[in-house]
Amino acid sequence: MEVRGELVLVCILGVLICSCNFFMVSEAVWLNLPASGTKCVSEEIHNNVVVLADYVVVSDNHSHIPTISVKVTSPYGNNLHLKENVTQGQFAFTTHEAGSYLACFWVDGHVQGSGDVSVNIDWKTGIAAKDWDLVARKEKIEGVELELRKLEGAVEAIHENLLYLKTREAELRFVSEVTNTRVALFSLMSLGVCIAVSALQVWHLKRYFQKKKLI
């Protein structure tokens, strides 16, 4: 019975660790930048979330790697990262505004005309952006304890996402109710105007026929 209980415990722990790894997946993006023009990637992120991204130009010609420029902006248009004439780099920030964060890439002017440029972007947010190796060294934890800490962080991230979705749902419900109220008022106003115009037309026609002594 004790062996069976240990096996069950190991299975449960394995499932939890797999769940933790599922929620800690980062997003890798490949972009093919044209010689002229800009390509952007964006992500909807709520408040107080850590964002970490690495980008690197991938070229078959190692003797001449083209350079790019990078600009990252917040939902309100604030510049969070701006680099020019680079082949690789990193940006990291904590969000203070909820909305769509935009990262734009373009080829520098002096290398235009050399064809498309491939850029690899490793975009991490929330729990996936946390340096767990540093946490393990700082708190002197490893193995199962470290995996449990990762799982705890993933659960907290899920809880925060649920709270954010709940808030967004409340905001959208309020906007929907306000819109429905305005539509109903507009419909009543339109009906009132139609009735008033109809009554005015009847009154005008009645006076016209009375003047002509038709009624």
N, C-alpha and C. Protein backbone atom coordinates (compact mmCIF):
# COMPACT_ATOMS: atom_id res chain seq x y z
N MET A 1 0.83 -1.21 0.00
CA MET A 1 0.00 0.00 0.00
C MET A 1 0.86 1.26 0.00
N GLU A 2 1.99 1.21 0.75
CA GLU A 2 2.86 2.38 0.80
C GLU A 2 3.47 2.64 -0.57
N VAL A 3 3.89 1.54 -1.26
CA VAL A 3 4.47 1.71 -2.61
C VAL A 3 3.44 2.30 -3.57
N ARG A 4 2.21 1.82 -3.46
CA ARG A 4 1.15 2.33 -4.32
C ARG A 4 0.90 3.79 -4.05
N GLY A 5 0.89 4.18 -2.78
CA GLY A 5 0.69 5.58 -2.44
C GLY A 5 1.81 6.45 -2.98
N GLU A 6 3.06 5.96 -2.94
CA GLU A 6 4.18 6.72 -3.47
C GLU A 6 4.05 6.87 -4.99
N LEU A 7 3.60 5.80 -5.66
CA LEU A 7 3.43 5.88 -7.11
C LEU A 7 2.36 6.91 -7.49
N VAL A 8 1.28 6.92 -6.73
CA VAL A 8 0.22 7.90 -6.99
C VAL A 8 0.73 9.31 -6.79
N LEU A 9 1.53 9.50 -5.72
CA LEU A 9 2.08 10.82 -5.44
C LEU A 9 3.02 11.27 -6.56
N VAL A 10 3.84 10.33 -7.05
CA VAL A 10 4.76 10.66 -8.15
C VAL A 10 3.99 11.01 -9.41
N CYS A 11 2.91 10.28 -9.70
CA CYS A 11 2.09 10.57 -10.89
C CYS A 11 1.45 11.94 -10.80
N ILE A 12 0.92 12.25 -9.60
CA ILE A 12 0.29 13.56 -9.41
C ILE A 12 1.31 14.68 -9.59
N LEU A 13 2.50 14.47 -9.01
CA LEU A 13 3.55 15.49 -9.12
C LEU A 13 3.97 15.65 -10.58
N GLY A 14 4.03 14.52 -11.32
CA GLY A 14 4.38 14.61 -12.73
C GLY A 14 3.38 15.40 -13.53
N VAL A 15 2.10 15.19 -13.24
CA VAL A 15 1.04 15.94 -13.93
C VAL A 15 1.15 17.42 -13.62
N LEU A 16 1.41 17.76 -12.37
CA LEU A 16 1.53 19.16 -11.98
C LEU A 16 2.72 19.82 -12.66
N ILE A 17 3.83 19.10 -12.74
CA ILE A 17 5.02 19.66 -13.38
C ILE A 17 4.77 19.87 -14.87
N CYS A 18 4.10 18.89 -15.50
CA CYS A 18 3.75 19.05 -16.92
C CYS A 18 2.83 20.25 -17.14
N SER A 19 1.88 20.44 -16.21
CA SER A 19 0.98 21.60 -16.30
C SER A 19 1.76 22.88 -16.16
N CYS A 20 2.72 22.87 -15.26
CA CYS A 20 3.56 24.06 -15.06
C CYS A 20 4.31 24.39 -16.34
N ASN A 21 4.93 23.34 -16.95
CA ASN A 21 5.68 23.57 -18.18
C ASN A 21 4.77 24.04 -19.30
N PHE A 22 3.52 23.57 -19.30
CA PHE A 22 2.56 23.99 -20.33
C PHE A 22 2.30 25.48 -20.26
N PHE A 23 2.17 26.00 -19.04
CA PHE A 23 1.86 27.42 -18.89
C PHE A 23 3.10 28.30 -18.94
N MET A 24 4.30 27.71 -19.07
CA MET A 24 5.52 28.50 -19.12
C MET A 24 6.12 28.51 -20.52
N VAL A 25 5.34 28.22 -21.53
CA VAL A 25 5.85 28.20 -22.89
C VAL A 25 6.07 29.63 -23.38
N SER A 26 7.24 29.87 -23.98
CA SER A 26 7.51 31.17 -24.57
C SER A 26 7.14 31.12 -26.05
N GLU A 27 7.09 32.26 -26.67
CA GLU A 27 6.65 32.36 -28.06
C GLU A 27 7.82 32.74 -28.94
N ALA A 28 8.17 31.87 -29.89
CA ALA A 28 9.23 32.15 -30.85
C ALA A 28 8.61 32.56 -32.18
N VAL A 29 9.10 33.65 -32.74
CA VAL A 29 8.53 34.20 -33.97
C VAL A 29 9.65 34.41 -34.98
N TRP A 30 9.38 34.01 -36.22
CA TRP A 30 10.29 34.29 -37.33
C TRP A 30 9.68 35.36 -38.20
N LEU A 31 10.49 36.38 -38.53
CA LEU A 31 10.04 37.44 -39.42
C LEU A 31 10.98 37.53 -40.60
N ASN A 32 10.42 37.66 -41.79
CA ASN A 32 11.20 37.95 -43.00
C ASN A 32 10.97 39.41 -43.36
N LEU A 33 11.97 40.23 -43.07
CA LEU A 33 11.83 41.66 -43.30
C LEU A 33 12.16 41.99 -44.76
N PRO A 34 11.28 42.72 -45.45
CA PRO A 34 11.59 43.14 -46.82
C PRO A 34 12.67 44.22 -46.83
N ALA A 35 13.23 44.45 -48.00
CA ALA A 35 14.29 45.46 -48.11
C ALA A 35 13.78 46.84 -47.73
N SER A 36 12.51 47.09 -48.00
CA SER A 36 11.90 48.36 -47.61
C SER A 36 10.56 48.07 -46.96
N GLY A 37 10.26 48.77 -45.89
CA GLY A 37 9.01 48.52 -45.18
C GLY A 37 9.27 48.00 -43.78
N THR A 38 8.20 47.85 -43.03
CA THR A 38 8.29 47.47 -41.62
C THR A 38 7.36 46.31 -41.35
N LYS A 39 7.81 45.41 -40.48
CA LYS A 39 6.96 44.33 -39.99
C LYS A 39 6.91 44.39 -38.47
N CYS A 40 5.71 44.13 -37.93
CA CYS A 40 5.50 44.27 -36.50
C CYS A 40 4.85 43.01 -35.92
N VAL A 41 5.11 42.77 -34.67
CA VAL A 41 4.42 41.73 -33.90
C VAL A 41 3.83 42.40 -32.67
N SER A 42 2.69 41.89 -32.21
CA SER A 42 2.03 42.50 -31.07
C SER A 42 1.45 41.42 -30.18
N GLU A 43 1.22 41.80 -28.94
CA GLU A 43 0.60 40.88 -27.98
C GLU A 43 -0.24 41.67 -26.99
N GLU A 44 -1.40 41.13 -26.68
CA GLU A 44 -2.30 41.75 -25.70
C GLU A 44 -1.83 41.36 -24.31
N ILE A 45 -1.42 42.35 -23.51
CA ILE A 45 -0.86 42.09 -22.19
C ILE A 45 -1.54 43.02 -21.18
N HIS A 46 -1.79 42.49 -19.99
CA HIS A 46 -2.41 43.33 -18.97
C HIS A 46 -1.35 43.98 -18.08
N ASN A 47 -1.78 44.69 -17.05
CA ASN A 47 -0.87 45.45 -16.19
C ASN A 47 0.05 44.55 -15.38
N ASN A 48 1.21 45.13 -15.03
CA ASN A 48 2.16 44.53 -14.09
C ASN A 48 2.61 43.13 -14.53
N VAL A 49 2.98 43.01 -15.80
CA VAL A 49 3.49 41.75 -16.35
C VAL A 49 4.91 41.99 -16.86
N VAL A 50 5.82 41.09 -16.53
CA VAL A 50 7.19 41.18 -17.00
C VAL A 50 7.27 40.64 -18.43
N VAL A 51 7.92 41.42 -19.30
CA VAL A 51 8.11 41.03 -20.70
C VAL A 51 9.60 40.98 -20.99
N LEU A 52 10.04 39.89 -21.59
CA LEU A 52 11.45 39.72 -21.94
C LEU A 52 11.52 39.14 -23.36
N ALA A 53 12.30 39.76 -24.22
CA ALA A 53 12.41 39.29 -25.60
C ALA A 53 13.84 39.43 -26.10
N ASP A 54 14.29 38.41 -26.81
CA ASP A 54 15.58 38.44 -27.50
C ASP A 54 15.33 38.36 -28.99
N TYR A 55 16.11 39.11 -29.76
CA TYR A 55 15.98 39.07 -31.21
C TYR A 55 17.38 39.00 -31.83
N VAL A 56 17.46 38.30 -32.96
CA VAL A 56 18.76 38.13 -33.64
C VAL A 56 18.52 37.99 -35.13
N VAL A 57 19.39 38.61 -35.91
CA VAL A 57 19.33 38.49 -37.37
C VAL A 57 20.00 37.18 -37.77
N VAL A 58 19.31 36.40 -38.59
CA VAL A 58 19.83 35.12 -39.06
C VAL A 58 20.19 35.27 -40.53
N SER A 59 21.49 35.03 -40.84
CA SER A 59 21.96 35.20 -42.22
C SER A 59 22.89 34.05 -42.59
N ASP A 60 22.74 33.58 -43.84
CA ASP A 60 23.63 32.53 -44.33
C ASP A 60 25.02 33.07 -44.62
N ASN A 61 25.10 34.36 -44.91
CA ASN A 61 26.39 34.99 -45.20
C ASN A 61 26.97 35.53 -43.89
N HIS A 62 27.85 34.75 -43.25
CA HIS A 62 28.40 35.16 -41.95
C HIS A 62 29.41 36.30 -42.08
N SER A 63 29.91 36.53 -43.29
CA SER A 63 30.88 37.62 -43.47
C SER A 63 30.20 38.98 -43.51
N HIS A 64 28.91 38.99 -43.86
CA HIS A 64 28.16 40.26 -43.91
C HIS A 64 26.75 40.02 -43.39
N ILE A 65 26.51 40.38 -42.15
CA ILE A 65 25.19 40.25 -41.54
C ILE A 65 24.50 41.61 -41.59
N PRO A 66 23.35 41.70 -42.25
CA PRO A 66 22.65 43.00 -42.33
C PRO A 66 22.18 43.47 -40.97
N THR A 67 22.07 44.77 -40.82
CA THR A 67 21.62 45.36 -39.55
C THR A 67 20.17 45.81 -39.67
N ILE A 68 19.51 45.85 -38.54
CA ILE A 68 18.10 46.23 -38.48
C ILE A 68 17.90 47.28 -37.41
N SER A 69 16.70 47.85 -37.40
CA SER A 69 16.27 48.77 -36.34
C SER A 69 15.03 48.19 -35.68
N VAL A 70 14.91 48.45 -34.38
CA VAL A 70 13.83 47.88 -33.58
C VAL A 70 13.19 48.98 -32.75
N LYS A 71 11.86 48.95 -32.70
CA LYS A 71 11.12 49.91 -31.89
C LYS A 71 9.96 49.20 -31.21
N VAL A 72 9.87 49.36 -29.88
CA VAL A 72 8.80 48.75 -29.10
C VAL A 72 7.99 49.87 -28.45
N THR A 73 6.67 49.81 -28.62
CA THR A 73 5.80 50.86 -28.07
C THR A 73 4.70 50.23 -27.23
N SER A 74 4.20 51.04 -26.28
CA SER A 74 3.11 50.62 -25.41
C SER A 74 1.78 50.92 -26.08
N PRO A 75 0.66 50.47 -25.50
CA PRO A 75 -0.66 50.76 -26.10
C PRO A 75 -0.93 52.25 -26.26
N TYR A 76 -0.32 53.10 -25.42
CA TYR A 76 -0.54 54.54 -25.51
C TYR A 76 0.54 55.24 -26.33
N GLY A 77 1.41 54.46 -27.00
CA GLY A 77 2.40 55.05 -27.89
C GLY A 77 3.71 55.43 -27.25
N ASN A 78 3.94 55.05 -25.99
CA ASN A 78 5.20 55.36 -25.33
C ASN A 78 6.30 54.43 -25.82
N ASN A 79 7.49 55.00 -26.09
CA ASN A 79 8.61 54.19 -26.56
C ASN A 79 9.24 53.44 -25.38
N LEU A 80 9.31 52.12 -25.51
CA LEU A 80 9.89 51.28 -24.48
C LEU A 80 11.28 50.76 -24.87
N HIS A 81 11.54 50.72 -26.18
CA HIS A 81 12.83 50.22 -26.65
C HIS A 81 13.05 50.74 -28.06
N LEU A 82 14.25 51.26 -28.32
CA LEU A 82 14.58 51.75 -29.65
C LEU A 82 16.07 51.52 -29.90
N LYS A 83 16.37 50.70 -30.91
CA LYS A 83 17.75 50.41 -31.28
C LYS A 83 17.88 50.50 -32.80
N GLU A 84 19.03 51.01 -33.24
CA GLU A 84 19.30 51.12 -34.67
C GLU A 84 20.65 50.49 -34.99
N ASN A 85 20.78 49.99 -36.21
CA ASN A 85 22.04 49.40 -36.69
C ASN A 85 22.52 48.28 -35.78
N VAL A 86 21.63 47.32 -35.50
CA VAL A 86 22.00 46.19 -34.65
C VAL A 86 21.71 44.88 -35.39
N THR A 87 22.42 43.83 -34.97
CA THR A 87 22.16 42.49 -35.51
C THR A 87 21.50 41.60 -34.47
N GLN A 88 21.53 42.00 -33.21
CA GLN A 88 20.87 41.26 -32.16
C GLN A 88 20.66 42.19 -30.97
N GLY A 89 19.80 41.79 -30.07
CA GLY A 89 19.54 42.62 -28.91
C GLY A 89 18.48 42.00 -28.02
N GLN A 90 18.14 42.73 -26.99
CA GLN A 90 17.16 42.27 -26.02
C GLN A 90 16.42 43.46 -25.45
N PHE A 91 15.14 43.30 -25.18
CA PHE A 91 14.39 44.32 -24.46
C PHE A 91 13.57 43.66 -23.36
N ALA A 92 13.49 44.36 -22.25
CA ALA A 92 12.76 43.85 -21.09
C ALA A 92 12.09 45.03 -20.39
N PHE A 93 10.85 44.83 -19.96
CA PHE A 93 10.12 45.87 -19.26
C PHE A 93 8.97 45.24 -18.51
N THR A 94 8.43 46.01 -17.58
CA THR A 94 7.22 45.62 -16.85
C THR A 94 6.09 46.51 -17.31
N THR A 95 5.00 45.92 -17.71
CA THR A 95 3.90 46.69 -18.29
C THR A 95 3.21 47.53 -17.22
N HIS A 96 2.86 48.75 -17.61
CA HIS A 96 2.09 49.65 -16.75
C HIS A 96 0.76 50.04 -17.39
N GLU A 97 0.53 49.55 -18.60
CA GLU A 97 -0.71 49.82 -19.31
C GLU A 97 -1.24 48.51 -19.88
N ALA A 98 -2.52 48.31 -19.77
CA ALA A 98 -3.15 47.11 -20.35
C ALA A 98 -3.49 47.40 -21.81
N GLY A 99 -3.15 46.46 -22.68
CA GLY A 99 -3.46 46.64 -24.09
C GLY A 99 -2.48 45.91 -24.97
N SER A 100 -2.39 46.33 -26.23
CA SER A 100 -1.56 45.67 -27.23
C SER A 100 -0.19 46.34 -27.29
N TYR A 101 0.86 45.57 -27.00
CA TYR A 101 2.23 46.05 -27.08
C TYR A 101 2.81 45.66 -28.43
N LEU A 102 3.45 46.61 -29.09
CA LEU A 102 3.86 46.46 -30.49
C LEU A 102 5.37 46.55 -30.62
N ALA A 103 5.96 45.56 -31.29
CA ALA A 103 7.40 45.56 -31.60
C ALA A 103 7.56 45.57 -33.12
N CYS A 104 8.21 46.60 -33.65
CA CYS A 104 8.36 46.77 -35.09
C CYS A 104 9.83 46.65 -35.49
N PHE A 105 10.07 46.00 -36.62
CA PHE A 105 11.42 45.75 -37.12
C PHE A 105 11.50 46.20 -38.57
N TRP A 106 12.63 46.81 -38.95
CA TRP A 106 12.86 47.17 -40.34
C TRP A 106 14.35 47.16 -40.63
N VAL A 107 14.67 46.97 -41.91
CA VAL A 107 16.05 46.91 -42.35
C VAL A 107 16.60 48.32 -42.46
N ASP A 108 17.83 48.51 -41.99
CA ASP A 108 18.44 49.84 -42.06
C ASP A 108 18.63 50.27 -43.51
N GLY A 109 18.60 51.59 -43.72
CA GLY A 109 18.60 52.14 -45.07
C GLY A 109 19.83 51.78 -45.88
N HIS A 110 21.02 51.72 -45.25
CA HIS A 110 22.23 51.51 -46.03
C HIS A 110 22.43 50.07 -46.49
N VAL A 111 21.56 49.14 -46.02
CA VAL A 111 21.67 47.75 -46.47
C VAL A 111 20.44 47.35 -47.28
N GLN A 112 19.58 48.29 -47.60
CA GLN A 112 18.39 47.96 -48.38
C GLN A 112 18.79 47.53 -49.80
N GLY A 113 17.96 46.68 -50.38
CA GLY A 113 18.25 46.18 -51.71
C GLY A 113 18.95 44.85 -51.72
N SER A 114 19.26 44.30 -50.55
CA SER A 114 19.98 43.02 -50.47
C SER A 114 19.05 41.85 -50.26
N GLY A 115 17.74 42.03 -50.42
CA GLY A 115 16.79 40.95 -50.25
C GLY A 115 16.21 40.93 -48.85
N ASP A 116 15.36 39.91 -48.62
CA ASP A 116 14.72 39.79 -47.31
C ASP A 116 15.74 39.45 -46.22
N VAL A 117 15.45 39.91 -45.00
CA VAL A 117 16.29 39.64 -43.85
C VAL A 117 15.48 38.87 -42.83
N SER A 118 16.00 37.74 -42.38
CA SER A 118 15.30 36.89 -41.42
C SER A 118 15.68 37.28 -40.00
N VAL A 119 14.66 37.41 -39.15
CA VAL A 119 14.87 37.77 -37.75
C VAL A 119 14.14 36.76 -36.87
N ASN A 120 14.83 36.24 -35.88
CA ASN A 120 14.24 35.34 -34.91
C ASN A 120 13.96 36.10 -33.62
N ILE A 121 12.73 35.98 -33.13
CA ILE A 121 12.32 36.70 -31.91
C ILE A 121 11.85 35.68 -30.89
N ASP A 122 12.44 35.72 -29.71
CA ASP A 122 12.02 34.85 -28.60
C ASP A 122 11.33 35.74 -27.58
N TRP A 123 10.00 35.69 -27.58
CA TRP A 123 9.15 36.61 -26.79
C TRP A 123 8.61 35.85 -25.58
N LYS A 124 8.92 36.33 -24.39
CA LYS A 124 8.44 35.69 -23.16
C LYS A 124 7.69 36.71 -22.31
N THR A 125 6.63 36.26 -21.69
CA THR A 125 5.85 37.13 -20.81
C THR A 125 5.52 36.40 -19.52
N GLY A 126 5.33 37.19 -18.46
CA GLY A 126 4.87 36.63 -17.20
C GLY A 126 5.83 35.63 -16.60
N ILE A 127 5.31 34.47 -16.21
CA ILE A 127 6.09 33.46 -15.52
C ILE A 127 7.20 32.91 -16.40
N ALA A 128 7.01 32.89 -17.72
CA ALA A 128 8.03 32.36 -18.62
C ALA A 128 9.26 33.26 -18.69
N ALA A 129 9.11 34.54 -18.33
CA ALA A 129 10.22 35.49 -18.39
C ALA A 129 11.06 35.49 -17.11
N LYS A 130 10.67 34.73 -16.12
CA LYS A 130 11.38 34.70 -14.85
C LYS A 130 12.63 33.85 -14.95
N ASP A 131 13.72 34.31 -14.35
CA ASP A 131 14.99 33.58 -14.35
C ASP A 131 14.99 32.58 -13.20
N TRP A 132 14.57 31.35 -13.51
CA TRP A 132 14.45 30.34 -12.46
C TRP A 132 15.80 29.83 -11.99
N ASP A 133 16.83 29.87 -12.85
CA ASP A 133 18.17 29.48 -12.40
C ASP A 133 18.67 30.42 -11.31
N LEU A 134 18.39 31.72 -11.49
CA LEU A 134 18.79 32.69 -10.47
C LEU A 134 18.01 32.47 -9.18
N VAL A 135 16.71 32.17 -9.31
CA VAL A 135 15.89 31.90 -8.12
C VAL A 135 16.42 30.67 -7.37
N ALA A 136 16.80 29.63 -8.12
CA ALA A 136 17.29 28.40 -7.51
C ALA A 136 18.61 28.65 -6.77
N ARG A 137 19.49 29.44 -7.38
CA ARG A 137 20.78 29.73 -6.71
C ARG A 137 20.58 30.63 -5.49
N LYS A 138 19.68 31.59 -5.61
CA LYS A 138 19.48 32.54 -4.53
C LYS A 138 18.82 31.90 -3.32
N GLU A 139 17.81 31.05 -3.56
CA GLU A 139 17.08 30.43 -2.46
C GLU A 139 17.56 29.02 -2.14
N LYS A 140 18.59 28.56 -2.90
CA LYS A 140 19.20 27.24 -2.66
C LYS A 140 18.15 26.12 -2.69
N ILE A 141 17.42 26.10 -3.79
CA ILE A 141 16.42 25.04 -3.98
C ILE A 141 16.70 24.35 -5.30
N GLU A 142 16.28 23.12 -5.44
CA GLU A 142 16.50 22.37 -6.66
C GLU A 142 15.51 21.22 -6.72
N GLY A 143 15.51 20.56 -7.88
CA GLY A 143 14.69 19.37 -8.04
C GLY A 143 13.20 19.64 -7.91
N VAL A 144 12.57 18.80 -7.09
CA VAL A 144 11.12 18.85 -6.93
C VAL A 144 10.68 20.18 -6.32
N GLU A 145 11.46 20.69 -5.39
CA GLU A 145 11.10 21.96 -4.76
C GLU A 145 11.10 23.10 -5.76
N LEU A 146 12.07 23.09 -6.68
CA LEU A 146 12.11 24.13 -7.71
C LEU A 146 10.92 24.00 -8.65
N GLU A 147 10.57 22.76 -9.02
CA GLU A 147 9.43 22.56 -9.90
C GLU A 147 8.13 23.00 -9.23
N LEU A 148 8.04 22.78 -7.91
CA LEU A 148 6.85 23.24 -7.18
C LEU A 148 6.77 24.76 -7.16
N ARG A 149 7.93 25.41 -7.05
CA ARG A 149 7.94 26.88 -7.10
C ARG A 149 7.49 27.37 -8.47
N LYS A 150 7.93 26.68 -9.52
CA LYS A 150 7.48 27.04 -10.86
C LYS A 150 5.97 26.86 -10.99
N LEU A 151 5.49 25.75 -10.42
CA LEU A 151 4.05 25.50 -10.47
C LEU A 151 3.28 26.56 -9.71
N GLU A 152 3.81 26.97 -8.57
CA GLU A 152 3.16 28.04 -7.79
C GLU A 152 3.10 29.34 -8.58
N GLY A 153 4.20 29.66 -9.27
CA GLY A 153 4.20 30.86 -10.10
C GLY A 153 3.22 30.76 -11.24
N ALA A 154 3.11 29.56 -11.85
CA ALA A 154 2.15 29.38 -12.95
C ALA A 154 0.73 29.53 -12.46
N VAL A 155 0.43 29.00 -11.27
CA VAL A 155 -0.92 29.13 -10.70
C VAL A 155 -1.24 30.59 -10.43
N GLU A 156 -0.27 31.34 -9.90
CA GLU A 156 -0.49 32.77 -9.65
C GLU A 156 -0.74 33.52 -10.96
N ALA A 157 0.02 33.14 -12.01
CA ALA A 157 -0.18 33.79 -13.30
C ALA A 157 -1.57 33.49 -13.86
N ILE A 158 -2.01 32.26 -13.71
CA ILE A 158 -3.35 31.90 -14.17
C ILE A 158 -4.41 32.67 -13.41
N HIS A 159 -4.21 32.79 -12.09
CA HIS A 159 -5.18 33.53 -11.27
C HIS A 159 -5.24 34.99 -11.69
N GLU A 160 -4.07 35.60 -11.96
CA GLU A 160 -4.05 36.99 -12.40
C GLU A 160 -4.73 37.15 -13.76
N ASN A 161 -4.52 36.18 -14.65
CA ASN A 161 -5.17 36.24 -15.96
C ASN A 161 -6.69 36.13 -15.82
N LEU A 162 -7.14 35.27 -14.92
CA LEU A 162 -8.58 35.14 -14.71
C LEU A 162 -9.18 36.43 -14.15
N LEU A 163 -8.46 37.07 -13.22
CA LEU A 163 -8.93 38.34 -12.68
C LEU A 163 -8.98 39.41 -13.78
N TYR A 164 -7.96 39.40 -14.64
CA TYR A 164 -7.93 40.36 -15.75
C TYR A 164 -9.11 40.14 -16.70
N LEU A 165 -9.35 38.85 -17.02
CA LEU A 165 -10.47 38.54 -17.91
C LEU A 165 -11.80 38.91 -17.28
N LYS A 166 -11.90 38.72 -15.96
CA LYS A 166 -13.13 39.09 -15.26
C LYS A 166 -13.35 40.60 -15.32
N THR A 167 -12.26 41.36 -15.15
CA THR A 167 -12.36 42.81 -15.23
C THR A 167 -12.74 43.26 -16.63
N ARG A 168 -12.10 42.65 -17.64
CA ARG A 168 -12.43 42.99 -19.01
C ARG A 168 -13.88 42.64 -19.35
N GLU A 169 -14.34 41.51 -18.82
CA GLU A 169 -15.73 41.13 -19.07
C GLU A 169 -16.69 42.15 -18.46
N ALA A 170 -16.37 42.62 -17.24
CA ALA A 170 -17.22 43.63 -16.60
C ALA A 170 -17.23 44.92 -17.41
N GLU A 171 -16.04 45.32 -17.92
CA GLU A 171 -15.97 46.54 -18.73
C GLU A 171 -16.78 46.40 -20.01
N LEU A 172 -16.64 45.25 -20.67
CA LEU A 172 -17.38 45.04 -21.93
C LEU A 172 -18.88 44.96 -21.67
N ARG A 173 -19.27 44.35 -20.53
CA ARG A 173 -20.69 44.29 -20.20
C ARG A 173 -21.24 45.68 -19.96
N PHE A 174 -20.47 46.53 -19.27
CA PHE A 174 -20.91 47.91 -19.01
C PHE A 174 -21.06 48.67 -20.33
N VAL A 175 -20.07 48.52 -21.24
CA VAL A 175 -20.16 49.20 -22.53
C VAL A 175 -21.37 48.71 -23.31
N SER A 176 -21.62 47.39 -23.25
CA SER A 176 -22.76 46.83 -23.96
C SER A 176 -24.08 47.36 -23.41
N GLU A 177 -24.18 47.43 -22.08
CA GLU A 177 -25.40 47.95 -21.47
C GLU A 177 -25.62 49.41 -21.81
N VAL A 178 -24.54 50.20 -21.78
CA VAL A 178 -24.67 51.62 -22.14
C VAL A 178 -25.10 51.76 -23.59
N THR A 179 -24.50 50.94 -24.47
CA THR A 179 -24.86 51.00 -25.89
C THR A 179 -26.32 50.61 -26.10
N ASN A 180 -26.76 49.55 -25.43
CA ASN A 180 -28.16 49.14 -25.55
C ASN A 180 -29.11 50.23 -25.07
N THR A 181 -28.75 50.90 -23.97
CA THR A 181 -29.58 51.99 -23.44
C THR A 181 -29.67 53.14 -24.44
N ARG A 182 -28.52 53.47 -25.03
CA ARG A 182 -28.52 54.56 -26.01
C ARG A 182 -29.33 54.20 -27.25
N VAL A 183 -29.23 52.95 -27.70
CA VAL A 183 -30.00 52.51 -28.86
C VAL A 183 -31.49 52.56 -28.56
N ALA A 184 -31.87 52.13 -27.34
CA ALA A 184 -33.28 52.18 -26.97
C ALA A 184 -33.80 53.62 -26.92
N LEU A 185 -33.01 54.53 -26.34
CA LEU A 185 -33.40 55.93 -26.29
C LEU A 185 -33.50 56.53 -27.69
N PHE A 186 -32.54 56.18 -28.55
CA PHE A 186 -32.58 56.68 -29.92
C PHE A 186 -33.82 56.16 -30.65
N SER A 187 -34.16 54.89 -30.41
CA SER A 187 -35.36 54.32 -31.04
C SER A 187 -36.62 55.05 -30.57
N LEU A 188 -36.69 55.34 -29.26
CA LEU A 188 -37.85 56.07 -28.74
C LEU A 188 -37.91 57.48 -29.30
N MET A 189 -36.76 58.14 -29.40
CA MET A 189 -36.72 59.47 -29.98
C MET A 189 -37.16 59.44 -31.45
N SER A 190 -36.68 58.43 -32.20
CA SER A 190 -37.07 58.32 -33.61
C SER A 190 -38.58 58.10 -33.74
N LEU A 191 -39.11 57.23 -32.86
CA LEU A 191 -40.56 56.99 -32.88
C LEU A 191 -41.33 58.26 -32.55
N GLY A 192 -40.85 59.00 -31.55
CA GLY A 192 -41.50 60.25 -31.18
C GLY A 192 -41.48 61.26 -32.31
N VAL A 193 -40.33 61.37 -33.01
CA VAL A 193 -40.23 62.30 -34.14
C VAL A 193 -41.18 61.90 -35.26
N CYS A 194 -41.26 60.59 -35.52
CA CYS A 194 -42.16 60.11 -36.58
C CYS A 194 -43.62 60.43 -36.25
N ILE A 195 -44.00 60.20 -34.98
CA ILE A 195 -45.38 60.52 -34.58
C ILE A 195 -45.66 62.01 -34.69
N ALA A 196 -44.68 62.82 -34.25
CA ALA A 196 -44.86 64.27 -34.32
C ALA A 196 -44.98 64.74 -35.76
N VAL A 197 -44.14 64.21 -36.65
CA VAL A 197 -44.19 64.61 -38.06
C VAL A 197 -45.52 64.17 -38.69
N SER A 198 -45.98 62.97 -38.34
CA SER A 198 -47.26 62.49 -38.88
C SER A 198 -48.41 63.37 -38.41
N ALA A 199 -48.40 63.72 -37.11
CA ALA A 199 -49.46 64.59 -36.60
C ALA A 199 -49.42 65.95 -37.27
N LEU A 200 -48.21 66.48 -37.50
CA LEU A 200 -48.08 67.77 -38.15
C LEU A 200 -48.60 67.72 -39.60
N GLN A 201 -48.31 66.61 -40.28
CA GLN A 201 -48.80 66.46 -41.65
C GLN A 201 -50.33 66.39 -41.69
N VAL A 202 -50.92 65.64 -40.75
CA VAL A 202 -52.39 65.54 -40.70
C VAL A 202 -53.00 66.91 -40.44
N TRP A 203 -52.40 67.63 -39.48
CA TRP A 203 -52.91 68.98 -39.16
C TRP A 203 -52.80 69.91 -40.35
N HIS A 204 -51.67 69.85 -41.07
CA HIS A 204 -51.47 70.72 -42.23
C HIS A 204 -52.46 70.37 -43.34
N LEU A 205 -52.64 69.09 -43.61
CA LEU A 205 -53.58 68.69 -44.65
C LEU A 205 -55.01 69.07 -44.29
N LYS A 206 -55.35 68.94 -43.01
CA LYS A 206 -56.69 69.29 -42.57
C LYS A 206 -56.96 70.78 -42.79
N ARG A 207 -55.98 71.62 -42.42
CA ARG A 207 -56.16 73.07 -42.65
C ARG A 207 -56.25 73.40 -44.13
N TYR A 208 -55.45 72.69 -44.94
CA TYR A 208 -55.46 72.95 -46.39
C TYR A 208 -56.84 72.63 -46.98
N PHE A 209 -57.37 71.46 -46.59
CA PHE A 209 -58.68 71.09 -47.14
C PHE A 209 -59.79 72.01 -46.61
N GLN A 210 -59.63 72.48 -45.38
CA GLN A 210 -60.64 73.41 -44.83
C GLN A 210 -60.60 74.73 -45.58
N LYS A 211 -59.41 75.22 -45.95
CA LYS A 211 -59.31 76.48 -46.68
C LYS A 211 -59.91 76.32 -48.08
N LYS A 212 -59.73 75.17 -48.65
CA LYS A 212 -60.26 74.93 -49.98
C LYS A 212 -61.75 74.54 -49.93
N LYS A 213 -62.27 74.46 -48.69
CA LYS A 213 -63.66 74.10 -48.44
C LYS A 213 -64.01 72.72 -49.05
N LEU A 214 -63.01 71.83 -48.91
CA LEU A 214 -63.24 70.48 -49.39
C LEU A 214 -63.81 69.61 -48.29
N ILE A 215 -63.66 70.04 -47.03
CA ILE A 215 -64.26 69.30 -45.93
C ILE A 215 -64.98 70.30 -45.01
